[in-house]
Amino acid sequence: MDNVEDDVRQIPLSELSPGTSAVISRLHEEDSLVSRRLADLGFLPGTAISALHRAPMGDPMSYQLRGAKVCLRAVDADNILITDPASN
């Protein structure tokens, strides 16, 4: 049987548009200090996340997950892979 995850397209969290939601698939660089800190904040595989607002100059972006609002720079959000909402 084929793995369903192989059919789901993954994109960086930084590409999620404001007002849309997705599910975190994995952290790209799991061994980095930033990825470990993001995991401590709740950025874990299987967690639902919503993009809220983008700053006027485009960076940072605010997200909501697990009842908390968090702002991330695009360079950090690039390390978080999500399921592409358009592939559902």
C-alpha atoms as a PDB file:
ATOM      1  CA  MET A   1       0.000   0.000   0.000  1.00  0.00           C
ATOM      2  CA  ASP A   2       1.314   3.471  -0.874  1.00  0.00           C
ATOM      3  CA  ASN A   3       2.153   5.890   1.877  1.00  0.00           C
ATOM      4  CA  VAL A   4      -0.445   8.687   1.877  1.00  0.00           C
ATOM      5  CA  GLU A   5       2.178  11.227   3.000  1.00  0.00           C
ATOM      6  CA  ASP A   6       4.019  10.723  -0.303  1.00  0.00           C
ATOM      7  CA  ASP A   7       0.995  12.171  -2.124  1.00  0.00           C
ATOM      8  CA  VAL A   8       0.790  15.292   0.068  1.00  0.00           C
ATOM      9  CA  ARG A   9       2.879  18.249  -1.043  1.00  0.00           C
ATOM     10  CA  GLN A  10       4.928  19.943   1.664  1.00  0.00           C
ATOM     11  CA  ILE A  11       5.815  23.632   1.634  1.00  0.00           C
ATOM     12  CA  PRO A  12       7.682  25.895   4.054  1.00  0.00           C
ATOM     13  CA  LEU A  13       5.525  27.620   6.670  1.00  0.00           C
ATOM     14  CA  SER A  14       6.715  30.963   5.269  1.00  0.00           C
ATOM     15  CA  GLU A  15       4.577  30.305   2.146  1.00  0.00           C
ATOM     16  CA  LEU A  16       1.306  29.993   4.110  1.00  0.00           C
ATOM     17  CA  SER A  17      -0.951  32.946   3.252  1.00  0.00           C
ATOM     18  CA  PRO A  18      -2.656  34.986   5.982  1.00  0.00           C
ATOM     19  CA  GLY A  19      -6.085  33.578   6.786  1.00  0.00           C
ATOM     20  CA  THR A  20      -5.189  29.984   5.866  1.00  0.00           C
ATOM     21  CA  SER A  21      -4.394  26.960   8.011  1.00  0.00           C
ATOM     22  CA  ALA A  22      -2.280  23.841   7.647  1.00  0.00           C
ATOM     23  CA  VAL A  23      -0.696  21.067   9.675  1.00  0.00           C
ATOM     24  CA  ILE A  24       2.998  20.949  10.533  1.00  0.00           C
ATOM     25  CA  SER A  25       4.685  17.990   8.824  1.00  0.00           C
ATOM     26  CA  ARG A  26       8.214  18.273  10.182  1.00  0.00           C
ATOM     27  CA  LEU A  27      11.048  20.575  11.113  1.00  0.00           C
ATOM     28  CA  HIS A  28      13.550  20.772   8.268  1.00  0.00           C
ATOM     29  CA  GLU A  29      16.746  20.987  10.318  1.00  0.00           C
ATOM     30  CA  GLU A  30      15.792  19.033  13.427  1.00  0.00           C
ATOM     31  CA  ASP A  31      19.272  19.210  14.972  1.00  0.00           C
ATOM     32  CA  SER A  32      19.649  22.990  14.849  1.00  0.00           C
ATOM     33  CA  LEU A  33      19.256  25.162  17.949  1.00  0.00           C
ATOM     34  CA  VAL A  34      16.483  27.153  16.267  1.00  0.00           C
ATOM     35  CA  SER A  35      14.519  24.013  15.398  1.00  0.00           C
ATOM     36  CA  ARG A  36      14.839  22.735  18.957  1.00  0.00           C
ATOM     37  CA  ARG A  37      13.580  26.066  20.296  1.00  0.00           C
ATOM     38  CA  LEU A  38      10.671  26.010  17.827  1.00  0.00           C
ATOM     39  CA  ALA A  39       9.794  22.503  19.029  1.00  0.00           C
ATOM     40  CA  ASP A  40       9.860  23.790  22.619  1.00  0.00           C
ATOM     41  CA  LEU A  41       7.336  26.457  21.563  1.00  0.00           C
ATOM     42  CA  GLY A  42       4.974  23.802  20.172  1.00  0.00           C
ATOM     43  CA  PHE A  43       5.990  23.677  16.504  1.00  0.00           C
ATOM     44  CA  LEU A  44       5.674  19.890  16.333  1.00  0.00           C
ATOM     45  CA  PRO A  45       4.554  17.480  13.596  1.00  0.00           C
ATOM     46  CA  GLY A  46       0.780  17.055  13.576  1.00  0.00           C
ATOM     47  CA  THR A  47       0.095  20.481  15.104  1.00  0.00           C
ATOM     48  CA  ALA A  48      -2.501  22.670  13.377  1.00  0.00           C
ATOM     49  CA  ILE A  49      -1.263  26.180  12.584  1.00  0.00           C
ATOM     50  CA  SER A  50      -2.923  29.283  11.133  1.00  0.00           C
ATOM     51  CA  ALA A  51      -1.267  32.272   9.486  1.00  0.00           C
ATOM     52  CA  LEU A  52      -2.682  35.472  10.957  1.00  0.00           C
ATOM     53  CA  HIS A  53      -0.909  38.625   9.772  1.00  0.00           C
ATOM     54  CA  ARG A  54       2.139  39.613   7.763  1.00  0.00           C
ATOM     55  CA  ALA A  55       4.079  42.748   8.766  1.00  0.00           C
ATOM     56  CA  PRO A  56       3.819  45.692   6.343  1.00  0.00           C
ATOM     57  CA  MET A  57       7.316  45.035   4.965  1.00  0.00           C
ATOM     58  CA  GLY A  58       6.538  41.302   4.619  1.00  0.00           C
ATOM     59  CA  ASP A  59       8.498  39.968   7.586  1.00  0.00           C
ATOM     60  CA  PRO A  60       7.823  38.790  10.313  1.00  0.00           C
ATOM     61  CA  MET A  61       4.559  36.868  10.140  1.00  0.00           C
ATOM     62  CA  SER A  62       2.257  36.024  13.044  1.00  0.00           C
ATOM     63  CA  TYR A  63       0.860  32.516  13.482  1.00  0.00           C
ATOM     64  CA  GLN A  64      -1.516  30.845  15.892  1.00  0.00           C
ATOM     65  CA  LEU A  65      -0.932  27.349  17.222  1.00  0.00           C
ATOM     66  CA  ARG A  66      -1.974  25.548  20.398  1.00  0.00           C
ATOM     67  CA  GLY A  67      -3.827  28.663  21.606  1.00  0.00           C
ATOM     68  CA  ALA A  68      -0.789  30.946  21.368  1.00  0.00           C
ATOM     69  CA  LYS A  69       0.183  33.658  18.897  1.00  0.00           C
ATOM     70  CA  VAL A  70       3.809  33.618  17.755  1.00  0.00           C
ATOM     71  CA  CYS A  71       5.703  35.863  15.328  1.00  0.00           C
ATOM     72  CA  LEU A  72       8.432  34.290  13.217  1.00  0.00           C
ATOM     73  CA  ARG A  73      10.898  35.665  10.729  1.00  0.00           C
ATOM     74  CA  ALA A  74      10.656  34.088   7.285  1.00  0.00           C
ATOM     75  CA  VAL A  75      14.144  32.596   7.670  1.00  0.00           C
ATOM     76  CA  ASP A  76      12.934  30.653  10.724  1.00  0.00           C
ATOM     77  CA  ALA A  77       9.556  29.740   9.195  1.00  0.00           C
ATOM     78  CA  ASP A  78      11.452  28.250   6.231  1.00  0.00           C
ATOM     79  CA  ASN A  79      12.662  25.475   8.567  1.00  0.00           C
ATOM     80  CA  ILE A  80       9.091  24.331   9.290  1.00  0.00           C
ATOM     81  CA  LEU A  81       7.416  22.199   6.635  1.00  0.00           C
ATOM     82  CA  ILE A  82       3.617  22.059   6.453  1.00  0.00           C
ATOM     83  CA  THR A  83       1.106  20.181   4.349  1.00  0.00           C
ATOM     84  CA  ASP A  84       0.122  22.356   1.411  1.00  0.00           C
ATOM     85  CA  PRO A  85      -3.491  23.452   2.053  1.00  0.00           C
ATOM     86  CA  ALA A  86      -4.066  23.441  -1.727  1.00  0.00           C
ATOM     87  CA  SER A  87      -3.209  19.723  -1.948  1.00  0.00           C
ATOM     88  CA  ASN A  88      -6.121  18.660   0.294  1.00  0.00           C
END
